[in-house]
Amino acid sequence: MTRAVLAVVLAVLLSAASLTAVAAADDPPTATAAAKCSLAGKDRKLGPTYVTSLSTTGVSCATGESVVKAYYRCRIRNGGKKGRCTSRVQGFSCTETRESIPTQFDAKVRCRKGDARVNHDYTQFT
């Protein structure tokens, strides 16, 4: 091969490598890392009196918010504000622990679906 042909081949290879790197940089990140979701302006709009924290693993914060709302609706269907959700919510299996006083309770909810996790804490005035 002549030097000119080698230079063209090298230029094509470098160009392809550069395009691959740019394409990889433009790909959206996968939702596998844990995320602490912002609740700014939303803490009173997700169902319970206050949602005090929300974190997700393997799903987006938007999906996490959707699960929180669905979990709340499930609770309301099963006993009102003091109700408990015992069925799957959007495919997630959830467990809840509560600490209560006569006028409110604080709860921790841990939901999982395979490797995906949605965890939220909330306060419910009764």
Protein backbone atom coordinates (compact mmCIF):
# COMPACT_ATOMS: atom_id res chain seq x y z
CA MET A 1 0.00 0.00 0.00
CA THR A 2 1.12 3.48 -0.71
CA ARG A 3 1.38 6.16 1.91
CA ALA A 4 -1.60 7.96 0.44
CA VAL A 5 -3.83 4.88 0.75
CA LEU A 6 -2.64 4.31 4.35
CA ALA A 7 -3.38 7.95 5.19
CA VAL A 8 -6.92 7.63 3.81
CA VAL A 9 -7.55 4.36 5.70
CA LEU A 10 -6.23 5.90 8.91
CA ALA A 11 -8.40 9.00 8.43
CA VAL A 12 -11.50 6.84 7.89
CA LEU A 13 -10.78 4.76 10.99
CA LEU A 14 -10.18 7.83 13.14
CA SER A 15 -13.36 9.44 11.81
CA ALA A 16 -15.41 6.32 12.59
CA ALA A 17 -13.96 6.13 16.11
CA SER A 18 -14.76 9.80 16.64
CA LEU A 19 -18.36 9.34 15.45
CA THR A 20 -18.80 6.34 17.77
CA ALA A 21 -17.55 8.37 20.73
CA VAL A 22 -19.91 11.24 19.88
CA ALA A 23 -22.86 8.86 19.48
CA ALA A 24 -22.07 7.22 22.82
CA ALA A 25 -21.91 10.63 24.48
CA ASP A 26 -25.37 11.47 23.09
CA ASP A 27 -26.98 8.28 24.41
CA PRO A 28 -29.19 8.94 27.44
CA PRO A 29 -27.89 7.45 30.67
CA THR A 30 -29.44 4.18 31.68
CA ALA A 31 -31.63 4.23 34.76
CA THR A 32 -29.62 1.76 36.80
CA ALA A 33 -27.89 4.09 39.24
CA ALA A 34 -29.62 5.11 42.45
CA ALA A 35 -31.16 8.57 42.36
CA LYS A 36 -32.40 10.79 45.16
CA CYS A 37 -35.33 12.55 43.56
CA SER A 38 -36.15 16.21 44.10
CA LEU A 39 -39.55 16.85 45.65
CA ALA A 40 -39.39 20.64 45.35
CA GLY A 41 -42.96 21.85 44.93
CA LYS A 42 -44.30 18.27 44.77
CA ASP A 43 -44.16 17.11 48.40
CA ARG A 44 -47.90 17.77 48.88
CA LYS A 45 -49.03 16.73 45.39
CA LEU A 46 -48.17 13.03 45.38
CA GLY A 47 -51.03 11.81 47.58
CA PRO A 48 -50.16 11.65 51.29
CA THR A 49 -50.09 14.84 53.34
CA TYR A 50 -46.31 15.11 52.76
CA VAL A 51 -43.90 12.91 50.83
CA THR A 52 -40.63 13.61 52.63
CA SER A 53 -38.21 11.60 50.48
CA LEU A 54 -38.12 9.64 47.24
CA SER A 55 -35.29 7.60 45.78
CA THR A 56 -35.17 5.21 42.85
CA THR A 57 -32.86 2.58 41.45
CA GLY A 58 -33.28 1.20 37.95
CA VAL A 59 -36.17 3.55 37.10
CA SER A 60 -36.55 7.29 36.61
CA CYS A 61 -37.74 9.73 39.26
CA ALA A 62 -40.88 10.27 37.15
CA THR A 63 -41.64 6.56 37.42
CA GLY A 64 -40.97 6.78 41.14
CA GLU A 65 -43.51 9.59 41.48
CA SER A 66 -46.03 7.53 39.53
CA VAL A 67 -45.52 4.57 41.89
CA VAL A 68 -45.96 6.85 44.94
CA LYS A 69 -49.29 8.14 43.58
CA ALA A 70 -50.50 4.64 42.71
CA TYR A 71 -49.48 3.34 46.14
CA TYR A 72 -51.46 6.15 47.79
CA ARG A 73 -54.55 5.37 45.70
CA CYS A 74 -54.21 1.70 46.69
CA ARG A 75 -54.10 2.70 50.39
CA ILE A 76 -57.18 4.89 50.04
CA ARG A 77 -59.11 2.04 48.36
CA ASN A 78 -58.17 -0.20 51.28
CA GLY A 79 -59.26 1.77 54.33
CA GLY A 80 -58.90 5.49 53.59
CA LYS A 81 -56.08 7.61 54.98
CA LYS A 82 -55.15 4.91 57.50
CA GLY A 83 -55.47 2.14 54.90
CA ARG A 84 -52.75 -0.25 53.83
CA CYS A 85 -51.88 -1.35 50.32
CA THR A 86 -51.46 -5.12 50.11
CA SER A 87 -51.46 -5.58 46.34
CA ARG A 88 -48.81 -4.92 43.69
CA VAL A 89 -48.57 -1.38 42.43
CA GLN A 90 -47.52 -0.98 38.78
CA GLY A 91 -45.83 -4.37 39.11
CA PHE A 92 -43.94 -3.35 42.27
CA SER A 93 -44.27 -5.28 45.51
CA CYS A 94 -44.20 -2.85 48.44
CA THR A 95 -43.69 -3.10 52.19
CA GLU A 96 -44.48 -0.35 54.66
CA THR A 97 -43.46 0.40 58.24
CA ARG A 98 -45.16 3.08 60.35
CA GLU A 99 -44.62 5.11 63.48
CA SER A 100 -47.74 6.86 64.71
CA ILE A 101 -49.26 9.29 67.16
CA PRO A 102 -53.02 9.99 67.41
CA THR A 103 -53.01 12.78 64.78
CA GLN A 104 -50.54 11.46 62.19
CA PHE A 105 -48.18 8.69 61.18
CA ASP A 106 -44.81 8.60 59.46
CA ALA A 107 -44.19 5.74 57.08
CA LYS A 108 -41.34 4.22 55.10
CA VAL A 109 -42.35 2.39 51.92
CA ARG A 110 -39.94 0.12 50.04
CA CYS A 111 -41.08 -1.12 46.63
CA ARG A 112 -39.25 -3.51 44.34
CA LYS A 113 -39.75 -5.07 40.93
CA GLY A 114 -36.78 -7.21 39.95
CA ASP A 115 -33.71 -4.99 40.30
CA ALA A 116 -35.78 -1.79 40.22
CA ARG A 117 -36.48 0.03 43.49
CA VAL A 118 -38.72 2.90 44.52
CA ASN A 119 -38.40 4.01 48.13
CA HIS A 120 -40.38 6.81 49.68
CA ASP A 121 -41.15 8.19 53.11
CA TYR A 122 -44.30 10.10 53.89
CA THR A 123 -46.28 11.74 56.67
CA GLN A 124 -50.04 11.30 56.75
CA PHE A 125 -52.24 13.50 58.93
CA THR A 126 -55.21 11.48 60.17
